Amino acid sequence: MQVAMFMFTNEVHELIQEIEKNPDTIVEEGPIKLNALLGKWGQLITKEHLDA
């Protein structure tokens, strides 16, 4: 579980760095990219929970 938490935190950090590179698109692209990241992790967690 700690490895998964580290991986998630790392991906959030990378996303923040990517979004900060172009401040003009933060408002438009930020929520979309964050939603995609959370959706990906939600699917992973749900799959792991169902497979357990």
PDB file of N, CA and C in Angstrom:
ATOM      1  N   MET A   1       0.819  -1.192   0.000  1.00  0.00           N
ATOM      2  CA  MET A   1       0.000   0.000   0.000  1.00  0.00           C
ATOM      3  C   MET A   1       0.869   1.265   0.000  1.00  0.00           C
ATOM      4  N   GLN A   2       1.987   1.208   0.721  1.00  0.00           N
ATOM      5  CA  GLN A   2       2.873   2.375   0.757  1.00  0.00           C
ATOM      6  C   GLN A   2       3.461   2.668  -0.619  1.00  0.00           C
ATOM      7  N   VAL A   3       3.736   1.627  -1.365  1.00  0.00           N
ATOM      8  CA  VAL A   3       4.278   1.824  -2.715  1.00  0.00           C
ATOM      9  C   VAL A   3       3.230   2.509  -3.591  1.00  0.00           C
ATOM     10  N   ALA A   4       1.987   2.078  -3.488  1.00  0.00           N
ATOM     11  CA  ALA A   4       0.909   2.696  -4.270  1.00  0.00           C
ATOM     12  C   ALA A   4       0.735   4.161  -3.880  1.00  0.00           C
ATOM     13  N   MET A   5       0.813   4.448  -2.600  1.00  0.00           N
ATOM     14  CA  MET A   5       0.680   5.832  -2.146  1.00  0.00           C
ATOM     15  C   MET A   5       1.826   6.687  -2.674  1.00  0.00           C
ATOM     16  N   PHE A   6       3.039   6.126  -2.666  1.00  0.00           N
ATOM     17  CA  PHE A   6       4.189   6.850  -3.207  1.00  0.00           C
ATOM     18  C   PHE A   6       4.002   7.116  -4.697  1.00  0.00           C
ATOM     19  N   MET A   7       3.561   6.102  -5.430  1.00  0.00           N
ATOM     20  CA  MET A   7       3.371   6.249  -6.876  1.00  0.00           C
ATOM     21  C   MET A   7       2.308   7.312  -7.173  1.00  0.00           C
ATOM     22  N   PHE A   8       1.201   7.292  -6.431  1.00  0.00           N
ATOM     23  CA  PHE A   8       0.139   8.273  -6.632  1.00  0.00           C
ATOM     24  C   PHE A   8       0.654   9.679  -6.347  1.00  0.00           C
ATOM     25  N   THR A   9       1.335   9.843  -5.214  1.00  0.00           N
ATOM     26  CA  THR A   9       1.872  11.154  -4.849  1.00  0.00           C
ATOM     27  C   THR A   9       2.861  11.636  -5.893  1.00  0.00           C
ATOM     28  N   ASN A  10       3.682  10.745  -6.398  1.00  0.00           N
ATOM     29  CA  ASN A  10       4.655  11.099  -7.428  1.00  0.00           C
ATOM     30  C   ASN A  10       3.946  11.564  -8.705  1.00  0.00           C
ATOM     31  N   GLU A  11       2.895  10.873  -9.095  1.00  0.00           N
ATOM     32  CA  GLU A  11       2.165  11.270 -10.306  1.00  0.00           C
ATOM     33  C   GLU A  11       1.477  12.618 -10.125  1.00  0.00           C
ATOM     34  N   VAL A  12       0.958  12.882  -8.926  1.00  0.00           N
ATOM     35  CA  VAL A  12       0.351  14.192  -8.658  1.00  0.00           C
ATOM     36  C   VAL A  12       1.420  15.281  -8.754  1.00  0.00           C
ATOM     37  N   HIS A  13       2.572  15.029  -8.187  1.00  0.00           N
ATOM     38  CA  HIS A  13       3.674  15.992  -8.242  1.00  0.00           C
ATOM     39  C   HIS A  13       4.088  16.261  -9.690  1.00  0.00           C
ATOM     40  N   GLU A  14       4.214  15.213 -10.481  1.00  0.00           N
ATOM     41  CA  GLU A  14       4.569  15.369 -11.895  1.00  0.00           C
ATOM     42  C   GLU A  14       3.503  16.166 -12.645  1.00  0.00           C
ATOM     43  N   LEU A  15       2.243  15.913 -12.320  1.00  0.00           N
ATOM     44  CA  LEU A  15       1.148  16.647 -12.965  1.00  0.00           C
ATOM     45  C   LEU A  15       1.231  18.132 -12.626  1.00  0.00           C
ATOM     46  N   ILE A  16       1.490  18.440 -11.367  1.00  0.00           N
ATOM     47  CA  ILE A  16       1.613  19.838 -10.959  1.00  0.00           C
ATOM     48  C   ILE A  16       2.759  20.512 -11.694  1.00  0.00           C
ATOM     49  N   GLN A  17       3.885  19.841 -11.784  1.00  0.00           N
ATOM     50  CA  GLN A  17       5.027  20.403 -12.514  1.00  0.00           C
ATOM     51  C   GLN A  17       4.679  20.643 -13.980  1.00  0.00           C
ATOM     52  N   GLU A  18       3.979  19.700 -14.591  1.00  0.00           N
ATOM     53  CA  GLU A  18       3.595  19.839 -16.000  1.00  0.00           C
ATOM     54  C   GLU A  18       2.651  21.021 -16.191  1.00  0.00           C
ATOM     55  N   ILE A  19       1.677  21.138 -15.324  1.00  0.00           N
ATOM     56  CA  ILE A  19       0.691  22.213 -15.447  1.00  0.00           C
ATOM     57  C   ILE A  19       1.344  23.576 -15.214  1.00  0.00           C
ATOM     58  N   GLU A  20       2.277  23.643 -14.282  1.00  0.00           N
ATOM     59  CA  GLU A  20       2.933  24.919 -13.970  1.00  0.00           C
ATOM     60  C   GLU A  20       3.797  25.433 -15.110  1.00  0.00           C
ATOM     61  N   LYS A  21       4.173  24.577 -16.045  1.00  0.00           N
ATOM     62  CA  LYS A  21       5.014  25.008 -17.168  1.00  0.00           C
ATOM     63  C   LYS A  21       4.295  26.005 -18.062  1.00  0.00           C
ATOM     64  N   ASN A  22       2.968  25.930 -18.111  1.00  0.00           N
ATOM     65  CA  ASN A  22       2.201  26.834 -18.958  1.00  0.00           C
ATOM     66  C   ASN A  22       1.054  27.421 -18.138  1.00  0.00           C
ATOM     67  N   PRO A  23       1.337  28.492 -17.390  1.00  0.00           N
ATOM     68  CA  PRO A  23       0.327  29.062 -16.494  1.00  0.00           C
ATOM     69  C   PRO A  23      -0.944  29.543 -17.199  1.00  0.00           C
ATOM     70  N   ASP A  24      -0.852  29.837 -18.485  1.00  0.00           N
ATOM     71  CA  ASP A  24      -2.024  30.326 -19.210  1.00  0.00           C
ATOM     72  C   ASP A  24      -3.104  29.256 -19.373  1.00  0.00           C
ATOM     73  N   THR A  25      -2.727  27.992 -19.254  1.00  0.00           N
ATOM     74  CA  THR A  25      -3.708  26.925 -19.469  1.00  0.00           C
ATOM     75  C   THR A  25      -4.094  26.190 -18.181  1.00  0.00           C
ATOM     76  N   ILE A  26      -3.617  26.696 -17.023  1.00  0.00           N
ATOM     77  CA  ILE A  26      -3.904  26.005 -15.760  1.00  0.00           C
ATOM     78  C   ILE A  26      -5.404  25.873 -15.534  1.00  0.00           C
ATOM     79  N   VAL A  27      -6.139  26.952 -15.724  1.00  0.00           N
ATOM     80  CA  VAL A  27      -7.581  26.935 -15.440  1.00  0.00           C
ATOM     81  C   VAL A  27      -8.313  25.978 -16.370  1.00  0.00           C
ATOM     82  N   GLU A  28      -7.922  25.930 -17.642  1.00  0.00           N
ATOM     83  CA  GLU A  28      -8.616  25.071 -18.600  1.00  0.00           C
ATOM     84  C   GLU A  28      -8.165  23.614 -18.502  1.00  0.00           C
ATOM     85  N   GLU A  29      -6.864  23.397 -18.465  1.00  0.00           N
ATOM     86  CA  GLU A  29      -6.334  22.033 -18.547  1.00  0.00           C
ATOM     87  C   GLU A  29      -6.147  21.356 -17.192  1.00  0.00           C
ATOM     88  N   GLY A  30      -5.905  22.137 -16.154  1.00  0.00           N
ATOM     89  CA  GLY A  30      -5.637  21.576 -14.838  1.00  0.00           C
ATOM     90  C   GLY A  30      -6.715  20.617 -14.358  1.00  0.00           C
ATOM     91  N   PRO A  31      -7.968  21.059 -14.301  1.00  0.00           N
ATOM     92  CA  PRO A  31      -9.030  20.159 -13.824  1.00  0.00           C
ATOM     93  C   PRO A  31      -9.213  18.923 -14.702  1.00  0.00           C
ATOM     94  N   ILE A  32      -9.043  19.071 -15.983  1.00  0.00           N
ATOM     95  CA  ILE A  32      -9.207  17.930 -16.901  1.00  0.00           C
ATOM     96  C   ILE A  32      -8.117  16.897 -16.640  1.00  0.00           C
ATOM     97  N   LYS A  33      -6.879  17.360 -16.516  1.00  0.00           N
ATOM     98  CA  LYS A  33      -5.767  16.433 -16.280  1.00  0.00           C
ATOM     99  C   LYS A  33      -5.853  15.799 -14.898  1.00  0.00           C
ATOM    100  N   LEU A  34      -6.267  16.575 -13.902  1.00  0.00           N
ATOM    101  CA  LEU A  34      -6.418  16.023 -12.558  1.00  0.00           C
ATOM    102  C   LEU A  34      -7.539  14.991 -12.532  1.00  0.00           C
ATOM    103  N   ASN A  35      -8.642  15.278 -13.199  1.00  0.00           N
ATOM    104  CA  ASN A  35      -9.748  14.323 -13.270  1.00  0.00           C
ATOM    105  C   ASN A  35      -9.301  13.025 -13.933  1.00  0.00           C
ATOM    106  N   ALA A  36      -8.510  13.120 -14.988  1.00  0.00           N
ATOM    107  CA  ALA A  36      -8.013  11.920 -15.672  1.00  0.00           C
ATOM    108  C   ALA A  36      -7.111  11.106 -14.743  1.00  0.00           C
ATOM    109  N   LEU A  37      -6.246  11.788 -14.006  1.00  0.00           N
ATOM    110  CA  LEU A  37      -5.350  11.099 -13.081  1.00  0.00           C
ATOM    111  C   LEU A  37      -6.141  10.404 -11.972  1.00  0.00           C
ATOM    112  N   LEU A  38      -7.092  11.108 -11.394  1.00  0.00           N
ATOM    113  CA  LEU A  38      -7.907  10.517 -10.329  1.00  0.00           C
ATOM    114  C   LEU A  38      -8.763   9.370 -10.856  1.00  0.00           C
ATOM    115  N   GLY A  39      -9.266   9.512 -12.078  1.00  0.00           N
ATOM    116  CA  GLY A  39     -10.048   8.430 -12.683  1.00  0.00           C
ATOM    117  C   GLY A  39      -9.206   7.185 -12.893  1.00  0.00           C
ATOM    118  N   LYS A  40      -7.983   7.383 -13.347  1.00  0.00           N
ATOM    119  CA  LYS A  40      -7.063   6.255 -13.560  1.00  0.00           C
ATOM    120  C   LYS A  40      -6.809   5.530 -12.246  1.00  0.00           C
ATOM    121  N   TRP A  41      -6.505   6.287 -11.202  1.00  0.00           N
ATOM    122  CA  TRP A  41      -6.223   5.673  -9.908  1.00  0.00           C
ATOM    123  C   TRP A  41      -7.488   5.072  -9.295  1.00  0.00           C
ATOM    124  N   GLY A  42      -8.622   5.690  -9.520  1.00  0.00           N
ATOM    125  CA  GLY A  42      -9.877   5.126  -9.031  1.00  0.00           C
ATOM    126  C   GLY A  42     -10.143   3.765  -9.649  1.00  0.00           C
ATOM    127  N   GLN A  43      -9.870   3.634 -10.935  1.00  0.00           N
ATOM    128  CA  GLN A  43     -10.046   2.347 -11.614  1.00  0.00           C
ATOM    129  C   GLN A  43      -9.065   1.316 -11.081  1.00  0.00           C
ATOM    130  N   LEU A  44      -7.824   1.724 -10.862  1.00  0.00           N
ATOM    131  CA  LEU A  44      -6.817   0.800 -10.335  1.00  0.00           C
ATOM    132  C   LEU A  44      -7.210   0.298  -8.945  1.00  0.00           C
ATOM    133  N   ILE A  45      -7.632   1.216  -8.097  1.00  0.00           N
ATOM    134  CA  ILE A  45      -8.004   0.844  -6.731  1.00  0.00           C
ATOM    135  C   ILE A  45      -9.237  -0.035  -6.736  1.00  0.00           C
ATOM    136  N   THR A  46     -10.223   0.285  -7.556  1.00  0.00           N
ATOM    137  CA  THR A  46     -11.438  -0.508  -7.647  1.00  0.00           C
ATOM    138  C   THR A  46     -11.119  -1.903  -8.148  1.00  0.00           C
ATOM    139  N   LYS A  47     -10.274  -1.991  -9.171  1.00  0.00           N
ATOM    140  CA  LYS A  47      -9.892  -3.292  -9.723  1.00  0.00           C
ATOM    141  C   LYS A  47      -9.185  -4.125  -8.665  1.00  0.00           C
ATOM    142  N   GLU A  48      -8.244  -3.523  -7.951  1.00  0.00           N
ATOM    143  CA  GLU A  48      -7.513  -4.236  -6.910  1.00  0.00           C
ATOM    144  C   GLU A  48      -8.459  -4.699  -5.818  1.00  0.00           C
ATOM    145  N   HIS A  49      -9.412  -3.854  -5.465  1.00  0.00           N
ATOM    146  CA  HIS A  49     -10.374  -4.214  -4.408  1.00  0.00           C
ATOM    147  C   HIS A  49     -11.262  -5.375  -4.850  1.00  0.00           C
ATOM    148  N   LEU A  50     -11.687  -5.351  -6.097  1.00  0.00           N
ATOM    149  CA  LEU A  50     -12.556  -6.416  -6.614  1.00  0.00           C
ATOM    150  C   LEU A  50     -11.807  -7.720  -6.792  1.00  0.00           C
ATOM    151  N   ASP A  51     -10.509  -7.618  -7.135  1.00  0.00           N
ATOM    152  CA  ASP A  51      -9.709  -8.836  -7.334  1.00  0.00           C
ATOM    153  C   ASP A  51      -9.283  -9.485  -6.018  1.00  0.00           C
ATOM    154  N   ALA A  52      -9.330  -8.726  -4.942  1.00  0.00           N
ATOM    155  CA  ALA A  52      -8.862  -9.252  -3.634  1.00  0.00           C
ATOM    156  C   ALA A  52      -9.821 -10.235  -3.023  1.00  0.00           C
TER     157      ALA A  52
END
